[in-house]
Amino acid sequence: MAEEIINRIASSPLINIDLEEFYPEGKRILFDIKDWLFEGIILKEKDFRAYVKEHNWSQYQDSYVALTCSEDAIVPSWAYLLISAELSKHAKVVVVGDLTLLETTIFHTVIEELDVAEYENKPIIIKGCADKPIPPSAFSFLIKRLQPIAKTIMYGEACSTVPLFKAKK
């Protein structure tokens, strides 16, 4: 008589955390101000303010936006602030930087708002592979949030994990 196959991993107290499940949906946009610069290198305040005033900001509704300048130009801080003031009326998040900084900022917020009560005194596995762009810092943010409350924290898959932390008894 054949024995029933039991999935010991599924019945274990291990909790798997896949950061991809916390990935907020929404368009990510890299907003490059280079086209608003005179000859691509000089910011003329009057012209720049006109571009800001005439631009259709509603197209960024519920988006995540990274402001940058891909040209080697001196851009005063107020220029990014002026754009941010308009974008903040529509976009979910606005950062000055690249798309990596944008994702890092998004995940910092997601992890800080995460209810970690269900992970208290539990063994946790943080899944490493993802199809969506999870910034490496997100894993560090998660460790910082979980370490004070978790029993153990491991990285990888249930079949092959790397131990990262074990609470002292």
Protein backbone atom coordinates (compact mmCIF):
# COMPACT_ATOMS: atom_id res chain seq x y z
CA MET A 1 0.00 0.00 0.00
CA ALA A 2 1.37 3.43 -1.05
CA GLU A 3 1.93 6.06 1.61
CA GLU A 4 0.36 9.45 1.24
CA ILE A 5 2.84 12.13 0.18
CA ILE A 6 2.99 14.92 2.74
CA ASN A 7 4.27 18.38 1.89
CA ARG A 8 6.22 19.15 5.05
CA ILE A 9 7.11 22.65 3.86
CA ALA A 10 3.45 23.59 3.39
CA SER A 11 2.59 22.32 6.86
CA SER A 12 5.58 23.97 8.56
CA PRO A 13 5.35 27.26 10.44
CA LEU A 14 7.64 28.90 7.85
CA ILE A 15 6.33 32.14 6.42
CA ASN A 16 7.43 33.03 2.90
CA ILE A 17 7.70 36.69 2.02
CA ASP A 18 7.83 37.55 -1.66
CA LEU A 19 8.50 41.27 -2.10
CA GLU A 20 7.04 41.01 -5.59
CA GLU A 21 3.63 40.61 -3.95
CA PHE A 22 4.04 44.08 -2.44
CA TYR A 23 5.03 45.70 -5.74
CA PRO A 24 2.68 48.66 -6.21
CA GLU A 25 1.13 48.82 -9.65
CA GLY A 26 1.43 52.04 -11.56
CA LYS A 27 3.44 53.47 -14.39
CA ARG A 28 7.06 54.41 -13.68
CA ILE A 29 8.21 57.49 -15.60
CA LEU A 30 11.64 59.01 -16.04
CA PHE A 31 10.99 62.72 -16.59
CA ASP A 32 14.05 64.25 -18.25
CA ILE A 33 14.17 68.05 -18.21
CA LYS A 34 16.92 68.30 -20.83
CA ASP A 35 14.43 69.35 -23.51
CA TRP A 36 13.41 72.32 -21.38
CA LEU A 37 16.94 73.71 -21.31
CA PHE A 38 18.20 76.31 -23.77
CA GLU A 39 20.48 74.50 -26.23
CA GLY A 40 20.18 71.51 -23.90
CA ILE A 41 22.57 72.95 -21.33
CA ILE A 42 21.31 76.26 -19.92
CA LEU A 43 18.25 76.80 -17.78
CA LYS A 44 16.57 80.10 -18.62
CA GLU A 45 14.16 80.81 -15.79
CA LYS A 46 11.49 82.59 -17.85
CA ASP A 47 11.40 79.86 -20.53
CA PHE A 48 11.57 77.09 -17.96
CA ARG A 49 8.64 78.51 -15.99
CA ALA A 50 6.66 78.76 -19.23
CA TYR A 51 7.29 75.06 -19.97
CA VAL A 52 6.15 74.15 -16.47
CA LYS A 53 3.02 76.29 -16.77
CA GLU A 54 2.03 74.92 -20.21
CA HIS A 55 2.81 71.25 -19.61
CA ASN A 56 -0.07 68.75 -19.26
CA TRP A 57 0.59 67.42 -15.77
CA SER A 58 -2.56 65.29 -15.64
CA GLN A 59 -0.85 62.64 -17.79
CA TYR A 60 1.12 61.65 -14.68
CA GLN A 61 -1.99 60.81 -12.67
CA ASP A 62 -1.29 57.90 -10.27
CA SER A 63 2.20 57.42 -11.73
CA TYR A 64 5.58 57.19 -10.05
CA VAL A 65 7.98 59.80 -11.42
CA ALA A 66 11.74 60.24 -11.27
CA LEU A 67 12.98 63.70 -12.26
CA THR A 68 16.37 63.85 -13.92
CA CYS A 69 18.53 65.79 -16.34
CA SER A 70 20.51 63.57 -18.69
CA GLU A 71 22.63 66.49 -19.91
CA ASP A 72 25.69 67.75 -18.09
CA ALA A 73 24.00 70.98 -17.10
CA ILE A 74 23.84 72.95 -13.89
CA VAL A 75 20.23 72.75 -12.78
CA PRO A 76 19.26 74.80 -9.72
CA SER A 77 17.35 72.95 -7.02
CA TRP A 78 14.34 75.21 -7.38
CA ALA A 79 13.79 73.86 -10.93
CA TYR A 80 13.15 70.35 -9.62
CA LEU A 81 11.02 71.79 -6.82
CA LEU A 82 8.93 73.75 -9.30
CA ILE A 83 8.24 70.59 -11.30
CA SER A 84 7.66 68.57 -8.13
CA ALA A 85 5.05 71.09 -7.00
CA GLU A 86 3.06 70.38 -10.17
CA LEU A 87 3.68 66.63 -10.24
CA SER A 88 2.72 66.14 -6.61
CA LYS A 89 -0.85 67.09 -7.51
CA HIS A 90 -1.07 64.00 -9.74
CA ALA A 91 1.75 61.50 -9.17
CA LYS A 92 1.88 59.02 -6.30
CA VAL A 93 5.62 59.53 -5.74
CA VAL A 94 8.13 62.05 -7.12
CA VAL A 95 11.90 61.79 -6.62
CA VAL A 96 14.87 63.62 -8.07
CA GLY A 97 17.07 60.86 -9.44
CA ASP A 98 16.86 57.75 -11.58
CA LEU A 99 14.40 54.86 -11.77
CA THR A 100 16.47 52.83 -9.27
CA LEU A 101 16.08 55.58 -6.68
CA LEU A 102 12.38 55.74 -7.50
CA GLU A 103 11.89 52.00 -6.87
CA THR A 104 13.99 52.22 -3.71
CA THR A 105 11.84 55.06 -2.41
CA ILE A 106 8.62 53.24 -3.28
CA PHE A 107 9.73 50.09 -1.47
CA HIS A 108 10.98 51.99 1.55
CA THR A 109 7.47 53.36 1.99
CA VAL A 110 5.82 49.98 1.34
CA ILE A 111 8.00 48.20 3.90
CA GLU A 112 7.67 50.95 6.52
CA GLU A 113 3.87 50.69 6.23
CA LEU A 114 3.90 46.87 6.34
CA ASP A 115 2.03 45.33 9.27
CA VAL A 116 4.66 42.97 10.67
CA ALA A 117 2.57 41.60 13.56
CA GLU A 118 1.91 38.31 11.74
CA TYR A 119 5.67 37.65 11.55
CA GLU A 120 6.33 37.88 15.28
CA ASN A 121 8.31 34.90 16.64
CA LYS A 122 8.00 33.10 13.30
CA PRO A 123 10.61 31.59 11.00
CA ILE A 124 10.66 33.64 7.82
CA ILE A 125 12.00 33.00 4.34
CA ILE A 126 12.52 36.02 2.10
CA LYS A 127 12.20 35.00 -1.51
CA GLY A 128 15.03 36.30 -3.63
CA CYS A 129 13.98 35.90 -7.26
CA ALA A 130 11.42 38.20 -8.83
CA ASP A 131 10.18 39.15 -12.27
CA LYS A 132 9.55 42.75 -11.22
CA PRO A 133 12.33 45.24 -10.44
CA ILE A 134 12.81 44.85 -6.70
CA PRO A 135 15.70 47.11 -5.62
CA PRO A 136 18.39 45.41 -3.50
CA SER A 137 17.80 47.95 -0.73
CA ALA A 138 14.25 46.66 -0.32
CA PHE A 139 15.63 43.46 1.16
CA SER A 140 17.71 45.48 3.64
CA PHE A 141 14.66 47.53 4.60
CA LEU A 142 12.71 44.32 5.16
CA ILE A 143 15.44 42.77 7.34
CA LYS A 144 15.52 45.91 9.46
CA ARG A 145 11.75 45.70 10.02
CA LEU A 146 11.66 41.96 10.73
CA GLN A 147 14.81 41.36 12.75
CA PRO A 148 13.46 42.75 16.05
CA ILE A 149 10.42 40.43 15.95
CA ALA A 150 11.26 37.33 13.87
CA LYS A 151 12.43 34.00 15.25
CA THR A 152 14.63 33.34 12.22
CA ILE A 153 15.13 34.96 8.85
CA MET A 154 16.36 33.06 5.82
CA TYR A 155 16.82 33.96 2.18
CA GLY A 156 15.98 31.89 -0.89
CA GLU A 157 13.46 29.11 -1.43
CA ALA A 158 12.14 26.64 1.13
CA CYS A 159 14.20 23.85 -0.44
CA SER A 160 17.48 25.78 -0.21
CA THR A 161 17.77 28.74 2.13
CA VAL A 162 20.62 30.86 3.37
CA PRO A 163 20.32 31.62 7.08
CA LEU A 164 20.56 35.36 7.81
CA PHE A 165 19.39 35.82 11.39
CA LYS A 166 18.41 33.80 14.43
CA ALA A 167 16.94 35.41 17.54
CA LYS A 168 18.76 34.81 20.80
CA LYS A 169 16.91 32.65 23.27
